Structure formats: structure tokens, C-alpha cells
């Protein structure tokens, strides 16, 4: 093939690549006027080739950058040192609609004879920029959540080395972030559980079935000062780029455990008191005569009588040493003493009530037993 044929083939091939390129390819002369504009440039900027050919490159440059662009063209055309030519930089372009958007620009320059020419490959990076912005926003949200979380959040890699440690973890477990990150999780696990933890990490590395991941369990954690605290642990795992990672949400349940112990102690004490009252009630029922009960509870329903009996039992239980007294005295003297006391007390209460509370005659007769 002749030299002219090779040149023609190269020219045709170059034109085909120019038209098929997915990125915009724009060429300009030494004055910065557009001489080449491929279909991708039309798609990206919105101008057709005929609309921009012969117009300055500033047509696709935001106004605030045009002075710097014009100065750069003049500097390079005059033999000055290029600054961005030969490099790829991120800039801002402007579409025909006036919308600005992020671009990635690769610039080159060459001369033909005494004429200088410029060429630029321009890639619309709007989607990439949008994804990066979304990732940055997501990371900012995650950082805010980690900072404000009241529970400790700890992450580790496949080897069980800590990779993330939030502020709540520092408050709860005593280690600052720089003290914990990079160290093994056994840092916060009581020593007696180290073997079981390491076996679990090894089991997961072999792809075996997890046992507590995905559940919430109560375990013990170790503080920096060596003390242990009860915690509620929720574990999760995931893979990224073929690497396994773990995360744990750790809640200090010390106060809850203390409350549970206090409630249990109160219930135990209440049960003991009830047993004592039941025993005392049985003694009162044994020692008090039926006549005394009738004089006290006459006219009440069975439910009310039972209520009064309970109150009476509580009353006697409040008398210092009464329960011990019932154990020390013989049954007959104690019975006589109680019946005499209650008969006397019933008469005095009835008399006082009759003189101090106005009521109907029928009510008085019923209460006094007349």
C-alpha cells in the first residue's frame, strides 16, 4: 500500500474513532475557536457541530472561569509553560441549557507548521460525582449515628481485630478509640471466654453455621479497669471484597440487672411477710372466741368480715413483740387476754361512734346490735 493510502486509511480510521468515541472530543485552534466537535460532544453539551464550529471554547465554559481560560490559551500560544496540558483535571462545564455539570478533562496540544492546535477529551462525570456525594452523605450520616448512639458500636475484621469504635464504646468500656482500634476483640472479653470467642471466629472463617449472629444475647464485658459489666449484645456479619467483617451493638444492662435484683429481693421479703401474717392470722383465729368476733363484725358481709380480719391481723402484727408473745404464753391465758381486750375495745369504739356521728335509728340499732 502506498504512503498516501496509509495516510488515507489512518485518516478514515481516526475519523471513525472520533465519531464513535463515548467521550466528547473537542479541538480548537490557537485562538481558542472550535474546529472539531464529535457526536458525543453534541450529546453532552447540547450543541450541534454546526452551532459551535468557529465559536470560542468559552461557549462551554462557565462565565466565572472564562478569563482564566483565555489567559491560559494566550500563554501557551505565546510559548509559555502549559499547566494542565498532559494531565487530567476535574472542572465544570456548561450545557446549552445553562446547566453546569462536573467534567473530567484531558488536554493536549500540538503544532502543524507554525500553527498550534488544542484538543480535549471531555467526560461527563455527573453520575460518578452524584454517587460520590451520596457516599459522602451516607458516611456523614453514619458518623453522626455513631457519635450520637447511646449503645456501644464495635466492628472487627475477619481476624477479630477492631476496626470501628464509637464514642459510646469509649464511655462504656473505658478505652479511647485510638486505644481500641487495631487490637483484638478479646480486649473487652473476660479471659474465661477467650477460647470460646476464638473458636467462634475460626468457625466462621471456615464458612460454618453461625450460632449467635443475628440474635441478641446477654454476656459479660470487661472494662479497661478490669471490672466486668453485664451487657446485651446484638451481633451481625457481612462480607466486602471477599473479606468478612463483624459488628456488635453493645448495651450496658447494669441498671436493669440491679433493678431486677431489687425487685426479686422485695418479692422475697413480701412473701416472707405474707407467711408471717398468715401464721399470725391463724393464731388469732385460734385464740379469739367466736363471741368476740361476732361482737366486732356483726352486720358485715362475709367479704367485709374477711377484710376486717385482715386489718386486725395487721394491727396485731404492728404491736412490738406480739408474735413472739404468742409463742411464749400458754394458749388459755393468751386467749383470755385477747378476748377481754377486744371486747373492751369494741364497746368503747361503738360508744364513741354513737355519740359523734348522726345517723338513723335503724342504723344505730344494727351497729349496736339492739
Protein backbone atom coordinates (compact mmCIF):
# COMPACT_ATOMS: atom_id res chain seq x y z
CA UNK A 1 0.00 0.00 0.00
CA UNK A 2 1.34 3.47 -0.91
CA UNK A 3 2.08 6.16 1.62
CA UNK A 4 -0.94 8.14 0.50
CA UNK A 5 -3.11 5.04 1.01
CA UNK A 6 -1.82 4.58 4.55
CA UNK A 7 -2.49 8.21 5.33
CA UNK A 8 -5.97 7.94 3.89
CA UNK A 9 -6.64 4.79 5.91
CA UNK A 10 -5.31 6.38 9.07
CA UNK A 11 -7.39 9.47 8.44
CA UNK A 12 -10.54 7.40 7.88
CA UNK A 13 -9.82 5.33 10.97
CA UNK A 14 -9.25 8.42 13.04
CA UNK A 15 -12.49 9.94 11.82
CA UNK A 16 -14.37 6.76 12.73
CA UNK A 17 -12.89 6.77 16.24
CA UNK A 18 -13.63 10.46 16.57
CA UNK A 19 -17.29 9.91 15.76
CA UNK A 20 -17.71 6.72 17.81
CA UNK A 21 -15.93 7.86 20.98
CA UNK A 22 -18.19 7.80 24.07
CA UNK A 23 -16.48 10.93 25.42
CA UNK A 24 -16.72 14.38 23.91
CA UNK A 25 -13.73 15.27 21.72
CA UNK A 26 -13.31 18.95 21.02
CA UNK A 27 -10.45 20.58 19.05
CA UNK A 28 -9.60 24.26 18.76
CA UNK A 29 -7.09 26.48 17.02
CA UNK A 30 -4.54 28.82 18.58
CA UNK A 31 -7.19 31.49 19.12
CA UNK A 32 -9.36 29.05 21.08
CA UNK A 33 -12.03 28.74 18.38
CA UNK A 34 -13.70 25.35 17.95
CA UNK A 35 -12.78 23.41 14.79
CA UNK A 36 -13.70 19.84 15.80
CA UNK A 37 -16.84 18.58 17.60
CA UNK A 38 -17.84 14.92 17.71
CA UNK A 39 -21.33 13.41 18.24
CA UNK A 40 -20.60 12.71 21.93
CA UNK A 41 -19.93 16.44 22.43
CA UNK A 42 -23.37 17.15 20.98
CA UNK A 43 -24.94 14.62 23.37
CA UNK A 44 -23.12 16.01 26.40
CA UNK A 45 -23.32 19.76 25.75
CA UNK A 46 -26.44 20.02 23.60
CA UNK A 47 -24.91 21.95 20.70
CA UNK A 48 -24.71 20.53 17.18
CA UNK A 49 -21.41 20.70 15.29
CA UNK A 50 -22.65 23.47 13.03
CA UNK A 51 -23.77 25.56 16.03
CA UNK A 52 -20.34 25.61 17.67
CA UNK A 53 -17.81 25.39 14.82
CA UNK A 54 -15.92 28.68 14.72
CA UNK A 55 -17.16 29.80 18.14
CA UNK A 56 -14.80 30.23 21.10
CA UNK A 57 -14.33 27.42 23.62
CA UNK A 58 -15.79 29.73 26.24
CA UNK A 59 -19.24 28.72 24.97
CA UNK A 60 -18.93 25.55 27.07
CA UNK A 61 -17.04 27.15 30.00
CA UNK A 62 -18.88 28.80 32.92
CA UNK A 63 -18.51 32.55 32.85
CA UNK A 64 -16.54 32.76 36.10
CA UNK A 65 -13.73 30.64 34.54
CA UNK A 66 -13.56 32.31 31.10
CA UNK A 67 -10.94 34.92 31.93
CA UNK A 68 -8.54 32.27 33.29
CA UNK A 69 -9.16 30.12 30.19
CA UNK A 70 -8.46 32.96 27.77
CA UNK A 71 -5.28 33.85 29.65
CA UNK A 72 -4.11 30.22 29.51
CA UNK A 73 -4.68 29.95 25.75
CA UNK A 74 -2.69 33.12 25.16
CA UNK A 75 0.13 31.95 27.44
CA UNK A 76 0.57 28.57 25.68
CA UNK A 77 0.15 30.08 22.19
CA UNK A 78 2.89 32.55 23.05
CA UNK A 79 5.27 29.74 24.03
CA UNK A 80 4.59 29.89 27.76
CA UNK A 81 4.64 26.85 30.03
CA UNK A 82 1.46 24.74 29.95
CA UNK A 83 -0.07 24.00 33.35
CA UNK A 84 -2.84 21.44 32.81
CA UNK A 85 -1.95 20.15 29.34
CA UNK A 86 -0.99 16.50 29.53
CA UNK A 87 -2.93 15.99 32.73
CA UNK A 88 -6.48 15.02 33.60
CA UNK A 89 -8.34 17.50 35.74
CA UNK A 90 -11.84 17.87 37.13
CA UNK A 91 -13.58 21.07 36.06
CA UNK A 92 -17.07 22.38 35.45
CA UNK A 93 -18.73 22.59 32.03
CA UNK A 94 -21.91 24.35 30.96
CA UNK A 95 -24.59 22.88 28.70
CA UNK A 96 -26.55 24.75 26.08
CA UNK A 97 -29.40 24.97 28.59
CA UNK A 98 -27.14 26.86 31.01
CA UNK A 99 -26.89 23.91 33.39
CA UNK A 100 -23.46 23.42 34.91
CA UNK A 101 -22.12 19.92 35.46
CA UNK A 102 -18.86 18.26 36.54
CA UNK A 103 -16.46 17.11 33.83
CA UNK A 104 -13.15 15.30 33.63
CA UNK A 105 -10.87 16.97 31.05
CA UNK A 106 -7.74 15.58 29.40
CA UNK A 107 -5.95 18.31 27.39
CA UNK A 108 -3.30 18.02 24.68
CA UNK A 109 -1.63 20.40 22.23
CA UNK A 110 0.35 20.03 19.01
CA UNK A 111 1.65 22.13 16.14
CA UNK A 112 1.31 21.78 12.39
CA UNK A 113 3.81 24.04 10.75
CA UNK A 114 3.62 27.29 12.64
CA UNK A 115 0.06 26.71 13.81
CA UNK A 116 -0.79 25.49 17.35
CA UNK A 117 -3.79 23.34 17.99
CA UNK A 118 -5.54 22.14 21.13
CA UNK A 119 -7.58 19.04 21.79
CA UNK A 120 -9.65 17.99 24.76
CA UNK A 121 -11.30 14.69 25.72
CA UNK A 122 -14.22 15.55 28.00
CA UNK A 123 -16.10 13.05 30.15
CA UNK A 124 -19.37 13.86 31.89
CA UNK A 125 -18.82 12.67 35.47
CA UNK A 126 -22.20 13.78 36.81
CA UNK A 127 -23.22 10.22 37.73
CA UNK A 128 -19.90 9.48 39.38
CA UNK A 129 -19.97 12.78 41.23
CA UNK A 130 -23.52 12.10 42.34
CA UNK A 131 -22.54 8.66 43.64
CA UNK A 132 -19.53 10.10 45.46
CA UNK A 133 -21.72 12.79 47.00
CA UNK A 134 -24.23 10.13 48.08
CA UNK A 135 -21.45 8.03 49.58
CA UNK A 136 -20.08 11.08 51.39
CA UNK A 137 -23.54 11.94 52.68
CA UNK A 138 -24.09 8.35 53.77
CA UNK A 139 -20.76 8.32 55.59
CA UNK A 140 -21.63 11.61 57.26
CA UNK A 141 -24.98 10.18 58.40
CA UNK A 142 -23.27 7.05 59.68
CA UNK A 143 -20.70 9.13 61.53
CA UNK A 144 -23.49 11.17 63.13
CA UNK A 145 -25.32 7.99 64.16
CA UNK A 146 -22.15 6.52 65.62
CA UNK A 147 -21.47 9.72 67.57
CA UNK A 148 -24.99 10.05 68.95
CA UNK A 149 -25.72 6.36 69.62
CA UNK A 150 -26.26 5.58 73.29
CA UNK A 151 -25.16 1.98 72.72
CA UNK A 152 -21.58 0.95 72.01
CA UNK A 153 -20.98 0.01 68.35
CA UNK A 154 -17.90 -2.08 67.63
CA UNK A 155 -16.76 -3.56 64.29
CA UNK A 156 -13.98 -6.05 63.62
CA UNK A 157 -12.34 -7.76 60.65
CA UNK A 158 -12.07 -11.47 59.88
CA UNK A 159 -9.19 -11.82 62.35
CA UNK A 160 -11.22 -10.29 65.16
CA UNK A 161 -9.25 -7.03 65.13
CA UNK A 162 -11.26 -3.93 65.99
CA UNK A 163 -11.84 -1.60 63.03
CA UNK A 164 -14.52 0.74 64.41
CA UNK A 165 -15.13 2.05 67.93
CA UNK A 166 -17.72 4.73 68.63
CA UNK A 167 -17.88 7.26 71.45
CA UNK A 168 -20.41 5.23 73.42
CA UNK A 169 -17.98 2.29 73.40
CA UNK A 170 -15.30 4.57 74.84
CA UNK A 171 -17.66 5.75 77.59
CA UNK A 172 -18.91 2.26 78.39
CA UNK A 173 -15.68 0.28 78.25
CA UNK A 174 -13.07 2.90 79.12
CA UNK A 175 -10.81 2.66 76.04
CA UNK A 176 -10.40 5.66 73.72
CA UNK A 177 -10.78 4.99 70.00
CA UNK A 178 -7.02 5.06 69.35
CA UNK A 179 -6.50 2.57 72.20
CA UNK A 180 -9.01 0.04 70.83
CA UNK A 181 -8.77 0.15 67.01
CA UNK A 182 -6.36 -2.47 65.70
CA UNK A 183 -6.45 -4.54 68.88
CA UNK A 184 -8.26 -7.90 69.23
CA UNK A 185 -11.83 -8.11 70.48
CA UNK A 186 -10.56 -10.12 73.45
CA UNK A 187 -9.57 -6.71 74.84
CA UNK A 188 -13.14 -6.33 76.11
CA UNK A 189 -13.98 -10.01 76.69
CA UNK A 190 -13.37 -11.62 80.12
CA UNK A 191 -10.46 -14.03 79.93
CA UNK A 192 -12.54 -17.11 80.74
CA UNK A 193 -14.44 -16.59 77.47
CA UNK A 194 -11.40 -16.05 75.19
CA UNK A 195 -11.20 -19.65 73.98
CA UNK A 196 -14.90 -19.78 73.06
CA UNK A 197 -14.62 -16.44 71.22
CA UNK A 198 -11.55 -17.51 69.23
CA UNK A 199 -13.22 -20.81 68.35
CA UNK A 200 -16.24 -18.89 67.03
CA UNK A 201 -14.07 -16.64 64.85
CA UNK A 202 -12.29 -19.72 63.46
CA UNK A 203 -15.59 -21.49 62.83
CA UNK A 204 -16.94 -18.53 60.86
CA UNK A 205 -13.71 -18.29 58.83
CA UNK A 206 -14.33 -21.87 57.71
CA UNK A 207 -17.80 -20.98 56.49
CA UNK A 208 -19.59 -22.94 59.20
CA UNK A 209 -23.03 -22.04 60.53
CA UNK A 210 -23.10 -19.10 62.96
CA UNK A 211 -24.57 -19.72 66.42
CA UNK A 212 -25.38 -16.34 67.96
CA UNK A 213 -25.01 -14.00 64.98
CA UNK A 214 -28.37 -12.44 64.18
CA UNK A 215 -29.59 -12.81 67.77
CA UNK A 216 -29.38 -10.79 70.98
CA UNK A 217 -27.66 -12.43 73.94
CA UNK A 218 -26.66 -11.42 77.46
CA UNK A 219 -22.94 -11.74 78.14
CA UNK A 220 -20.25 -10.11 80.27
CA UNK A 221 -17.88 -7.42 79.02
CA UNK A 222 -14.60 -6.27 80.56
CA UNK A 223 -13.90 -2.61 81.31
CA UNK A 224 -10.45 -1.07 80.95
CA UNK A 225 -10.14 -1.05 84.75
CA UNK A 226 -10.66 -4.82 84.83
CA UNK A 227 -14.20 -4.81 86.20
CA UNK A 228 -16.91 -6.78 84.46
CA UNK A 229 -20.34 -5.49 83.49
CA UNK A 230 -23.44 -7.26 82.16
CA UNK A 231 -24.23 -6.33 78.55
CA UNK A 232 -26.78 -7.15 75.89
CA UNK A 233 -25.02 -7.98 72.61
CA UNK A 234 -26.52 -7.98 69.09
CA UNK A 235 -24.11 -9.45 66.51
CA UNK A 236 -24.06 -9.18 62.72
CA UNK A 237 -21.65 -10.16 59.95
CA UNK A 238 -21.13 -9.24 56.28
CA UNK A 239 -18.57 -9.58 53.51
CA UNK A 240 -16.91 -6.87 51.42
CA UNK A 241 -14.47 -7.62 48.59
CA UNK A 242 -14.39 -11.21 49.77
CA UNK A 243 -13.42 -10.24 53.31
CA UNK A 244 -15.61 -10.99 56.33
CA UNK A 245 -16.41 -8.34 58.91
CA UNK A 246 -18.34 -8.34 62.18
CA UNK A 247 -20.31 -5.73 64.06
CA UNK A 248 -21.76 -5.68 67.53
CA UNK A 249 -24.21 -3.35 69.25
CA UNK A 250 -23.47 -3.48 72.97
CA UNK A 251 -25.90 -2.21 75.63
CA UNK A 252 -24.95 -1.84 79.28
CA UNK A 253 -27.73 -3.53 81.31
CA UNK A 254 -26.17 -2.97 84.75
CA UNK A 255 -29.05 -0.76 85.95
CA UNK A 256 -31.64 -3.19 84.63
CA UNK A 257 -29.92 -6.09 86.37
CA UNK A 258 -29.76 -4.08 89.61
CA UNK A 259 -33.49 -3.29 89.35
CA UNK A 260 -34.24 -6.98 88.72
CA UNK A 261 -32.27 -7.95 91.85
CA UNK A 262 -34.07 -5.31 93.92
CA UNK A 263 -37.47 -6.48 92.68
CA UNK A 264 -36.56 -10.08 93.42
CA UNK A 265 -35.42 -9.14 96.94
CA UNK A 266 -38.61 -7.14 97.53
CA UNK A 267 -40.75 -10.04 96.33
CA UNK A 268 -38.87 -12.41 98.63
CA UNK A 269 -39.35 -10.06 101.58
CA UNK A 270 -43.04 -9.65 100.73
CA UNK A 271 -43.51 -13.40 100.55
CA UNK A 272 -41.89 -13.78 103.98
CA UNK A 273 -44.13 -11.05 105.42
CA UNK A 274 -47.21 -12.73 103.97
CA UNK A 275 -46.17 -16.01 105.53
CA UNK A 276 -45.75 -14.27 108.90
CA UNK A 277 -49.16 -12.59 108.60
CA UNK A 278 -50.82 -15.86 107.65
CA UNK A 279 -49.26 -17.54 110.67
CA UNK A 280 -50.40 -14.70 112.95
CA UNK A 281 -53.91 -14.77 111.48
CA UNK A 282 -54.13 -18.46 112.20
CA UNK A 283 -53.10 -17.84 115.84
CA UNK A 284 -55.67 -15.07 116.25
CA UNK A 285 -58.40 -17.27 114.85
CA UNK A 286 -57.33 -19.95 117.32
CA UNK A 287 -57.24 -17.73 120.41
CA UNK A 288 -60.17 -15.35 119.80
CA UNK A 289 -63.61 -16.60 120.81
CA UNK A 290 -66.49 -16.65 118.34
CA UNK A 291 -68.44 -14.30 120.63
CA UNK A 292 -65.74 -11.62 120.32
CA UNK A 293 -65.70 -11.97 116.52
CA UNK A 294 -69.49 -11.66 116.45
CA UNK A 295 -69.46 -8.52 118.57
CA UNK A 296 -66.86 -6.87 116.35
CA UNK A 297 -68.12 -7.91 112.94
CA UNK A 298 -71.89 -8.06 113.46
CA UNK A 299 -73.85 -6.75 110.49
CA UNK A 300 -70.96 -7.04 107.98
CA UNK A 301 -70.98 -9.18 104.90
CA UNK A 302 -68.62 -12.12 104.70
CA UNK A 303 -66.32 -10.18 102.38
CA UNK A 304 -66.16 -7.27 104.80
CA UNK A 305 -65.63 -9.58 107.75
CA UNK A 306 -62.68 -11.13 105.96
CA UNK A 307 -61.35 -7.63 105.26
CA UNK A 308 -61.66 -6.61 108.91
CA UNK A 309 -59.96 -9.79 109.99
CA UNK A 310 -57.04 -8.99 107.71
CA UNK A 311 -56.82 -5.47 109.15
CA UNK A 312 -56.99 -6.91 112.64
CA UNK A 313 -54.13 -9.27 111.83
CA UNK A 314 -52.03 -6.40 110.50
CA UNK A 315 -52.86 -4.37 113.63
CA UNK A 316 -51.58 -7.07 115.94
CA UNK A 317 -48.52 -7.64 113.77
CA UNK A 318 -47.57 -3.99 114.35
CA UNK A 319 -47.51 -4.45 118.12
CA UNK A 320 -43.86 -4.83 119.07
CA UNK A 321 -43.08 -8.37 120.13
CA UNK A 322 -46.65 -9.62 119.76
CA UNK A 323 -45.75 -12.54 117.51
CA UNK A 324 -43.05 -13.66 119.94
CA UNK A 325 -45.54 -13.22 122.80
CA UNK A 326 -47.95 -15.67 121.19
CA UNK A 327 -45.15 -18.22 121.12
CA UNK A 328 -44.19 -17.66 124.78
CA UNK A 329 -47.61 -17.61 126.51
CA UNK A 330 -49.83 -20.55 127.17
CA UNK A 331 -52.86 -20.79 124.93
CA UNK A 332 -55.57 -20.31 127.59
CA UNK A 333 -54.16 -17.15 129.26
CA UNK A 334 -53.41 -15.61 125.86
CA UNK A 335 -56.89 -16.36 124.59
CA UNK A 336 -58.50 -14.80 127.69
CA UNK A 337 -56.30 -11.70 127.37
CA UNK A 338 -57.12 -11.16 123.69
CA UNK A 339 -60.84 -11.70 124.11
CA UNK A 340 -61.02 -9.34 127.09
CA UNK A 341 -59.05 -6.68 125.24
CA UNK A 342 -61.10 -6.88 122.07
CA UNK A 343 -64.44 -6.96 123.94
CA UNK A 344 -63.40 -3.82 125.85
CA UNK A 345 -62.16 -2.09 122.71
CA UNK A 346 -65.31 -2.93 120.75
CA UNK A 347 -67.55 -1.42 123.43
CA UNK A 348 -65.55 1.83 123.58
CA UNK A 349 -65.43 2.23 119.77
CA UNK A 350 -69.18 1.65 119.49
CA UNK A 351 -69.98 4.17 122.24
CA UNK A 352 -67.77 6.87 120.69
CA UNK A 353 -69.22 6.30 117.22
CA UNK A 354 -72.80 6.58 118.56
CA UNK A 355 -72.16 9.97 120.18
CA UNK A 356 -70.11 11.56 117.39
CA UNK A 357 -71.84 10.53 114.12
CA UNK A 358 -75.51 11.43 113.38
CA UNK A 359 -77.40 8.63 111.70
CA UNK A 360 -80.76 6.91 111.54
CA UNK A 361 -82.14 4.86 114.42
CA UNK A 362 -82.19 1.72 112.31
CA UNK A 363 -78.51 2.09 111.55
CA UNK A 364 -77.71 2.59 115.25
CA UNK A 365 -79.63 -0.49 116.23
CA UNK A 366 -77.91 -2.54 113.57
CA UNK A 367 -74.40 -1.38 114.59
CA UNK A 368 -75.02 -1.68 118.35
CA UNK A 369 -76.76 -4.98 117.97
CA UNK A 370 -80.01 -3.74 119.52
